[in-house]
Amino acid sequence: MRYQPLGRSGLLVSEFVLGTLNMGSHPMFKPAGGLGVAAARKLFDIAFDHGVNMIDTANMYSFGEAEEIVGELLAGRTDDILVTSKVRMPLGDAPNQGGASRAHIVREVEKSLRRLRRTHLDLLYLHQWDGITPIEETLSALDALVTSGKVRYTGVSNFSGWQITKTMYEARLHGLVAPVVQQVNYTPENRQTEYDILPAARDAGLATYVWSPLGEGLLGGKVRRGQAVPPTTRQGTEWAEPHVVDMERAYDIIEVLAGVADGRGVSMARVVLAWLRQRPGVTGIVLGARTEEQLRDDLAALELTLTEDEIAAVDTATQPPAIYPYWHRAMLATDRPDPVEQPYLDGYQRMVNANA
């Protein structure tokens, strides 16, 4: 296992982190796994044996039950295993049961700490942007939690590039604690993150952890063209997240990934995780395996390095369109590229040149 600083901080975090969206019995979250304490304990043991040192959870996962499971399984382990949670998503119908206001953040962090049986969170993410609450209020609340010792580091999740930049600017302008990490969805099928989000994070010095790296089962090997999407994947349920814009394109990508996997004698999941590990700007990956077999296979991706030809095959099949202003930069402004954006511009330039 490789450990890296979490952005511009001194906190060392494992390259793979164990997620807990699949833990808890709330009906809304059943399609994600519905794992109880016994099944979760086995996954925790496997992850820790492989060097994983962070558990990723959120107050909305099974509406607190996932945090309760984490708290039970980590009782007595307050130093060696890091715990992150999230806040912002609505937890009820009342007007202040969601958002990133000071009232909501402080109240929900206190509840999370009780469920987790901890005195502090090692990392607290803002789970989404709040378009109503002034970002200064949100950052002030986070700063107070860090100052009080209830939160050690902060991060953002599912933010647009401009939202990352605004958050970092306002934090520095007002002398408040700034985020050190972002968490985003990023897969071979979903590379929109490369347009603005990854360059903005790299420019700001944020680490990037990827959630749902297999597209909630889309790229796990069970979804193939001409076959019914299995209900054992989220894509085969009423909660089909992440959203797939073009399913025919997704099937084409799956065939390429399957070809690479067959050529190496490994699972498609391992190929996807290896590809993500080698992407510029990616610090680590949150694993959401439901079974012991899946988790062991995912962790084996640490030992797989794709060749240049294999990477090129996946990159070509998954290249995002050269939308404006990227096609303009790729055509006319290659003399002064920004290093944080250059790895992604190369793909747009190849696309533009191919269509010239």
Protein backbone atom coordinates (compact mmCIF):
# COMPACT_ATOMS: atom_id res chain seq x y z
CA MET A 1 0.00 0.00 0.00
CA ARG A 2 1.23 3.48 -0.84
CA TYR A 3 0.58 6.41 1.52
CA GLN A 4 0.52 10.01 0.35
CA PRO A 5 0.02 13.38 2.02
CA LEU A 6 -3.58 14.53 1.85
CA GLY A 7 -3.11 17.57 -0.39
CA ARG A 8 -1.10 20.31 1.28
CA SER A 9 -1.21 18.63 4.68
CA GLY A 10 0.96 16.28 6.67
CA LEU A 11 -1.73 13.59 6.99
CA LEU A 12 -0.66 10.38 5.26
CA VAL A 13 -3.56 8.42 3.76
CA SER A 14 -3.58 5.07 2.00
CA GLU A 15 -4.05 5.02 -1.76
CA PHE A 16 -7.16 2.86 -1.33
CA VAL A 17 -9.82 3.87 1.19
CA LEU A 18 -12.79 1.74 2.26
CA GLY A 19 -16.22 3.26 1.61
CA THR A 20 -19.39 2.51 3.58
CA LEU A 21 -22.28 3.55 1.34
CA ASN A 22 -23.13 -0.17 1.16
CA MET A 23 -23.56 -0.47 4.95
CA GLY A 24 -26.87 -0.07 6.77
CA SER A 25 -30.41 -1.31 6.31
CA HIS A 26 -32.42 1.78 5.37
CA PRO A 27 -34.70 0.88 2.41
CA MET A 28 -33.45 3.81 0.33
CA PHE A 29 -29.89 2.49 0.53
CA LYS A 30 -30.64 -1.23 0.13
CA PRO A 31 -29.71 -1.15 -3.60
CA ALA A 32 -26.21 -0.07 -2.56
CA GLY A 33 -25.63 -3.21 -0.48
CA GLY A 34 -27.45 -3.23 2.84
CA LEU A 35 -24.53 -4.81 4.71
CA GLY A 36 -24.80 -5.36 8.46
CA VAL A 37 -22.15 -5.40 11.18
CA ALA A 38 -20.95 -8.99 10.58
CA ALA A 39 -20.42 -8.56 6.83
CA ALA A 40 -18.86 -5.12 7.32
CA ARG A 41 -16.43 -6.48 9.93
CA LYS A 42 -15.01 -8.96 7.40
CA LEU A 43 -14.46 -6.19 4.86
CA PHE A 44 -12.79 -4.00 7.49
CA ASP A 45 -10.41 -6.82 8.46
CA ILE A 46 -9.42 -7.46 4.84
CA ALA A 47 -8.89 -3.77 4.16
CA PHE A 48 -6.77 -3.24 7.28
CA ASP A 49 -4.69 -6.33 6.51
CA HIS A 50 -3.86 -4.73 3.15
CA GLY A 51 -2.81 -1.44 4.73
CA VAL A 52 -5.96 0.65 4.28
CA ASN A 53 -5.89 3.33 6.99
CA MET A 54 -9.05 5.36 6.29
CA ILE A 55 -12.78 4.59 6.45
CA ASP A 56 -15.03 6.85 4.38
CA THR A 57 -18.61 7.37 5.52
CA ALA A 58 -21.31 10.07 5.57
CA ASN A 59 -24.15 11.15 7.81
CA MET A 60 -26.68 10.39 5.05
CA TYR A 61 -25.58 6.78 4.43
CA SER A 62 -28.60 4.82 5.67
CA PHE A 63 -29.39 8.06 7.54
CA GLY A 64 -26.76 7.50 10.22
CA GLU A 65 -26.76 3.71 10.44
CA ALA A 66 -23.55 3.40 8.43
CA GLU A 67 -21.82 5.69 10.92
CA GLU A 68 -23.15 3.57 13.78
CA ILE A 69 -21.69 0.43 12.17
CA VAL A 70 -18.34 2.16 11.71
CA GLY A 71 -18.41 3.31 15.33
CA GLU A 72 -19.08 -0.21 16.58
CA LEU A 73 -16.35 -1.78 14.44
CA LEU A 74 -13.72 0.83 15.28
CA ALA A 75 -14.40 0.99 19.02
CA GLY A 76 -11.03 1.32 20.74
CA ARG A 77 -9.15 2.11 17.50
CA THR A 78 -8.92 5.89 17.68
CA ASP A 79 -5.39 6.49 16.38
CA ASP A 80 -4.37 3.99 13.71
CA ILE A 81 -7.52 4.17 11.54
CA LEU A 82 -8.65 7.52 10.15
CA VAL A 83 -12.36 8.29 9.79
CA THR A 84 -13.97 10.72 7.39
CA SER A 85 -17.61 11.75 7.19
CA LYS A 86 -19.69 14.18 5.13
CA VAL A 87 -22.33 16.81 5.72
CA ARG A 88 -24.71 18.92 3.59
CA MET A 89 -27.26 16.48 2.09
CA PRO A 90 -30.90 16.79 3.28
CA LEU A 91 -31.81 14.34 6.04
CA GLY A 92 -35.49 15.27 6.27
CA ASP A 93 -38.15 17.63 4.98
CA ALA A 94 -37.65 20.50 7.43
CA PRO A 95 -35.94 23.56 5.88
CA ASN A 96 -32.77 23.34 7.99
CA GLN A 97 -32.23 19.58 7.81
CA GLY A 98 -29.84 20.02 4.92
CA GLY A 99 -27.35 22.50 3.51
CA ALA A 100 -24.02 23.94 4.56
CA SER A 101 -25.21 26.55 7.05
CA ARG A 102 -23.43 26.91 10.38
CA ALA A 103 -26.53 25.58 12.15
CA HIS A 104 -26.71 22.42 10.07
CA ILE A 105 -22.99 21.66 9.94
CA VAL A 106 -22.34 22.01 13.67
CA ARG A 107 -25.45 20.06 14.66
CA GLU A 108 -24.74 17.21 12.25
CA VAL A 109 -21.07 16.91 13.18
CA GLU A 110 -22.08 16.48 16.82
CA LYS A 111 -24.51 13.72 15.81
CA SER A 112 -21.89 12.03 13.64
CA LEU A 113 -19.38 12.02 16.48
CA ARG A 114 -21.88 10.34 18.79
CA ARG A 115 -22.72 7.67 16.22
CA LEU A 116 -19.04 7.09 15.44
CA ARG A 117 -18.10 7.01 19.16
CA ARG A 118 -15.26 9.42 18.53
CA THR A 119 -14.13 12.77 19.87
CA HIS A 120 -13.12 14.05 16.43
CA LEU A 121 -13.37 13.43 12.69
CA ASP A 122 -10.07 13.14 10.88
CA LEU A 123 -11.68 14.58 7.76
CA LEU A 124 -15.03 16.25 7.08
CA TYR A 125 -16.27 16.69 3.52
CA LEU A 126 -18.87 19.11 2.28
CA HIS A 127 -20.95 16.55 0.37
CA GLN A 128 -22.20 19.05 -2.24
CA TRP A 129 -22.25 22.77 -2.96
CA ASP A 130 -24.88 24.84 -1.15
CA GLY A 131 -26.11 27.58 -3.49
CA ILE A 132 -27.92 29.49 -0.72
CA THR A 133 -25.52 29.64 2.22
CA PRO A 134 -22.65 32.14 1.75
CA ILE A 135 -19.42 30.19 1.45
CA GLU A 136 -17.88 32.45 4.12
CA GLU A 137 -20.44 31.15 6.64
CA THR A 138 -19.71 27.55 5.70
CA LEU A 139 -15.95 28.04 5.94
CA SER A 140 -16.30 29.89 9.25
CA ALA A 141 -18.23 26.95 10.71
CA LEU A 142 -15.62 24.48 9.48
CA ASP A 143 -12.82 26.68 10.84
CA ALA A 144 -14.47 26.73 14.28
CA LEU A 145 -14.80 22.94 14.25
CA VAL A 146 -11.11 22.56 13.40
CA THR A 147 -10.12 25.08 16.07
CA SER A 148 -12.20 23.20 18.66
CA GLY A 149 -10.54 19.89 17.76
CA LYS A 150 -13.74 18.20 16.59
CA VAL A 151 -12.52 18.11 12.99
CA ARG A 152 -8.89 17.78 11.87
CA TYR A 153 -9.09 18.44 8.11
CA THR A 154 -11.77 19.50 5.65
CA GLY A 155 -12.58 18.63 2.05
CA VAL A 156 -15.18 19.11 -0.68
CA SER A 157 -17.08 16.61 -2.79
CA ASN A 158 -18.94 16.90 -6.09
CA PHE A 159 -17.92 20.55 -6.53
CA SER A 160 -17.55 22.22 -9.92
CA GLY A 161 -14.21 23.75 -10.82
CA TRP A 162 -15.39 27.31 -10.15
CA GLN A 163 -16.81 26.24 -6.78
CA ILE A 164 -13.44 24.77 -5.78
CA THR A 165 -11.68 27.97 -6.81
CA LYS A 166 -14.18 30.21 -5.00
CA THR A 167 -13.94 28.10 -1.82
CA MET A 168 -10.15 28.23 -1.77
CA TYR A 169 -10.10 31.97 -2.54
CA GLU A 170 -12.58 32.84 0.20
CA ALA A 171 -10.75 30.68 2.75
CA ARG A 172 -7.45 32.42 2.07
CA LEU A 173 -9.05 35.87 1.87
CA HIS A 174 -10.61 35.52 5.33
CA GLY A 175 -7.79 33.52 6.95
CA LEU A 176 -9.97 30.44 7.43
CA VAL A 177 -9.06 26.76 7.27
CA ALA A 178 -9.10 25.66 3.62
CA PRO A 179 -9.97 22.22 2.22
CA VAL A 180 -7.09 19.85 1.48
CA VAL A 181 -8.90 17.22 -0.62
CA GLN A 182 -11.79 16.71 -2.99
CA GLN A 183 -13.81 13.57 -3.67
CA VAL A 184 -15.31 13.11 -7.15
CA ASN A 185 -16.80 10.53 -9.45
CA TYR A 186 -14.33 9.57 -12.16
CA THR A 187 -14.29 6.46 -14.36
CA PRO A 188 -13.22 5.55 -17.89
CA GLU A 189 -16.86 6.07 -18.90
CA ASN A 190 -17.23 9.35 -16.96
CA ARG A 191 -14.25 11.59 -17.64
CA GLN A 192 -16.07 14.93 -17.50
CA THR A 193 -14.11 15.59 -14.31
CA GLU A 194 -11.10 16.32 -16.53
CA TYR A 195 -12.63 19.46 -18.07
CA ASP A 196 -12.38 21.78 -15.07
CA ILE A 197 -12.62 19.90 -11.78
CA LEU A 198 -9.28 18.08 -11.81
CA PRO A 199 -7.31 21.08 -13.16
CA ALA A 200 -8.90 23.34 -10.53
CA ALA A 201 -8.04 20.88 -7.76
CA ARG A 202 -4.47 20.45 -8.97
CA ASP A 203 -4.02 24.22 -9.18
CA ALA A 204 -5.36 24.61 -5.62
CA GLY A 205 -3.17 21.82 -4.24
CA LEU A 206 -6.10 19.56 -3.37
CA ALA A 207 -5.73 15.80 -3.24
CA THR A 208 -8.33 13.91 -5.28
CA TYR A 209 -10.06 10.70 -4.17
CA VAL A 210 -12.41 8.94 -6.56
CA TRP A 211 -15.80 7.62 -5.46
CA SER A 212 -17.61 4.85 -7.33
CA PRO A 213 -14.61 4.03 -9.55
CA LEU A 214 -16.49 1.14 -11.18
CA GLY A 215 -19.60 3.21 -11.88
CA GLU A 216 -21.63 1.32 -9.24
CA GLY A 217 -21.10 -1.96 -11.08
CA LEU A 218 -21.26 -0.60 -14.63
CA LEU A 219 -17.58 -1.41 -15.20
CA GLY A 220 -17.30 -4.40 -12.89
CA GLY A 221 -17.65 -7.02 -15.62
CA LYS A 222 -21.31 -7.98 -15.21
CA VAL A 223 -22.81 -5.40 -17.59
CA ARG A 224 -22.42 -6.34 -21.27
CA ARG A 225 -24.10 -5.43 -24.54
CA GLY A 226 -27.12 -7.59 -25.39
CA GLN A 227 -27.65 -8.73 -21.81
CA ALA A 228 -30.05 -7.49 -19.17
CA VAL A 229 -28.36 -5.24 -16.63
CA PRO A 230 -28.10 -7.35 -13.45
CA PRO A 231 -30.11 -6.11 -10.44
CA THR A 232 -27.00 -6.85 -8.34
CA THR A 233 -25.48 -3.64 -9.76
CA ARG A 234 -26.83 -0.16 -9.05
CA GLN A 235 -27.22 0.33 -12.80
CA GLY A 236 -29.85 -2.42 -12.69
CA THR A 237 -31.96 -0.77 -9.98
CA GLU A 238 -34.17 2.31 -9.70
CA TRP A 239 -31.14 4.10 -8.21
CA ALA A 240 -29.00 4.07 -11.36
CA GLU A 241 -26.09 6.19 -10.21
CA PRO A 242 -23.76 7.40 -11.65
CA HIS A 243 -25.83 8.70 -14.55
CA VAL A 244 -24.84 7.27 -17.94
CA VAL A 245 -25.39 9.73 -20.79
CA ASP A 246 -24.87 7.29 -23.69
CA MET A 247 -25.32 3.57 -22.96
CA GLU A 248 -24.15 2.49 -26.41
CA ARG A 249 -20.89 4.37 -25.86
CA ALA A 250 -20.63 2.74 -22.43
CA TYR A 251 -20.96 -0.71 -24.02
CA ASP A 252 -18.16 0.17 -26.47
CA ILE A 253 -15.94 1.18 -23.55
CA ILE A 254 -16.80 -2.01 -21.68
CA GLU A 255 -15.67 -4.08 -24.67
CA VAL A 256 -12.30 -2.32 -24.73
CA LEU A 257 -11.83 -2.80 -20.99
CA ALA A 258 -12.81 -6.45 -21.31
CA GLY A 259 -10.22 -6.90 -24.05
CA VAL A 260 -7.46 -5.47 -21.86
CA ALA A 261 -8.61 -7.59 -18.92
CA ASP A 262 -8.68 -10.79 -20.99
CA GLY A 263 -5.23 -10.03 -22.36
CA ARG A 264 -3.81 -9.72 -18.85
CA GLY A 265 -5.84 -12.55 -17.33
CA VAL A 266 -7.39 -10.26 -14.69
CA SER A 267 -10.83 -8.89 -13.91
CA MET A 268 -12.23 -5.82 -15.64
CA ALA A 269 -12.53 -4.16 -12.24
CA ARG A 270 -8.81 -4.50 -11.72
CA VAL A 271 -8.09 -2.88 -15.08
CA VAL A 272 -10.36 0.08 -14.29
CA LEU A 273 -8.75 0.64 -10.89
CA ALA A 274 -5.26 0.35 -12.37
CA TRP A 275 -6.16 2.88 -15.08
CA LEU A 276 -7.47 5.32 -12.46
CA ARG A 277 -4.38 4.87 -10.29
CA GLN A 278 -2.25 5.97 -13.24
CA ARG A 279 -4.34 9.04 -14.14
CA PRO A 280 -2.75 12.46 -13.52
CA GLY A 281 -4.24 14.21 -10.53
CA VAL A 282 -5.64 11.10 -8.83
CA THR A 283 -4.40 10.63 -5.26
CA GLY A 284 -6.46 7.60 -4.31
CA ILE A 285 -9.67 5.63 -4.67
CA VAL A 286 -12.61 4.86 -2.38
CA LEU A 287 -13.53 1.17 -2.71
CA GLY A 288 -17.17 0.15 -2.30
CA ALA A 289 -16.98 -3.64 -2.62
CA ARG A 290 -19.96 -5.57 -1.27
CA THR A 291 -18.27 -8.97 -0.85
CA GLU A 292 -14.96 -10.28 0.43
CA GLU A 293 -14.14 -11.64 -3.03
CA GLN A 294 -14.77 -8.27 -4.67
CA LEU A 295 -12.67 -6.40 -2.11
CA ARG A 296 -9.71 -8.79 -2.45
CA ASP A 297 -9.86 -8.43 -6.22
CA ASP A 298 -10.06 -4.63 -6.01
CA LEU A 299 -7.07 -4.50 -3.67
CA ALA A 300 -5.10 -6.66 -6.09
CA ALA A 301 -5.17 -3.70 -8.49
CA LEU A 302 -2.34 -2.28 -6.39
CA GLU A 303 -0.10 -4.83 -8.11
CA LEU A 304 -1.28 -4.14 -11.69
CA THR A 305 0.44 -1.56 -13.88
CA LEU A 306 -0.98 -1.05 -17.34
CA THR A 307 1.35 -0.77 -20.33
CA GLU A 308 1.48 2.32 -22.53
CA ASP A 309 -0.41 0.45 -25.25
CA GLU A 310 -3.13 -0.66 -22.82
CA ILE A 311 -3.51 2.87 -21.48
CA ALA A 312 -3.67 4.25 -25.03
CA ALA A 313 -6.42 1.77 -25.94
CA VAL A 314 -8.54 2.81 -22.95
CA ASP A 315 -7.79 6.51 -23.44
CA THR A 316 -8.79 6.43 -27.10
CA ALA A 317 -12.07 4.63 -26.40
CA THR A 318 -13.00 6.96 -23.54
CA GLN A 319 -11.72 10.37 -24.68
CA PRO A 320 -14.24 13.13 -23.79
CA PRO A 321 -15.34 15.43 -26.63
CA ALA A 322 -13.23 18.52 -27.29
CA ILE A 323 -15.90 21.01 -26.24
CA TYR A 324 -15.29 24.77 -26.15
CA PRO A 325 -12.94 26.29 -25.01
CA TYR A 326 -10.83 23.11 -25.05
CA TRP A 327 -10.88 22.65 -28.83
CA HIS A 328 -9.84 26.30 -29.18
CA ARG A 329 -6.88 25.87 -26.84
CA ALA A 330 -5.96 22.58 -28.51
CA MET A 331 -5.95 24.26 -31.93
CA LEU A 332 -4.48 27.67 -31.22
CA ALA A 333 -2.89 27.93 -27.76
CA THR A 334 -0.51 25.01 -27.42
CA ASP A 335 2.49 27.34 -27.01
CA ARG A 336 1.82 28.09 -23.33
CA PRO A 337 -0.08 25.20 -21.71
CA ASP A 338 -0.85 25.22 -18.01
CA PRO A 339 0.83 22.20 -16.34
CA VAL A 340 -2.31 21.37 -14.30
CA GLU A 341 -4.34 21.06 -17.50
CA GLN A 342 -1.76 19.77 -19.99
CA PRO A 343 -2.33 16.01 -19.48
CA TYR A 344 -5.99 16.40 -20.42
CA LEU A 345 -5.41 18.86 -23.29
CA ASP A 346 -3.25 16.29 -25.05
CA GLY A 347 -6.33 14.15 -25.65
CA TYR A 348 -8.33 17.06 -27.06
CA GLN A 349 -5.45 17.96 -29.35
CA ARG A 350 -5.27 14.44 -30.75
CA MET A 351 -9.03 14.56 -31.36
CA VAL A 352 -8.88 17.93 -33.11
CA ASN A 353 -5.92 16.86 -35.26
CA ALA A 354 -7.70 13.66 -36.24
CA ASN A 355 -10.68 15.65 -37.49
CA ALA A 356 -8.59 18.30 -39.29
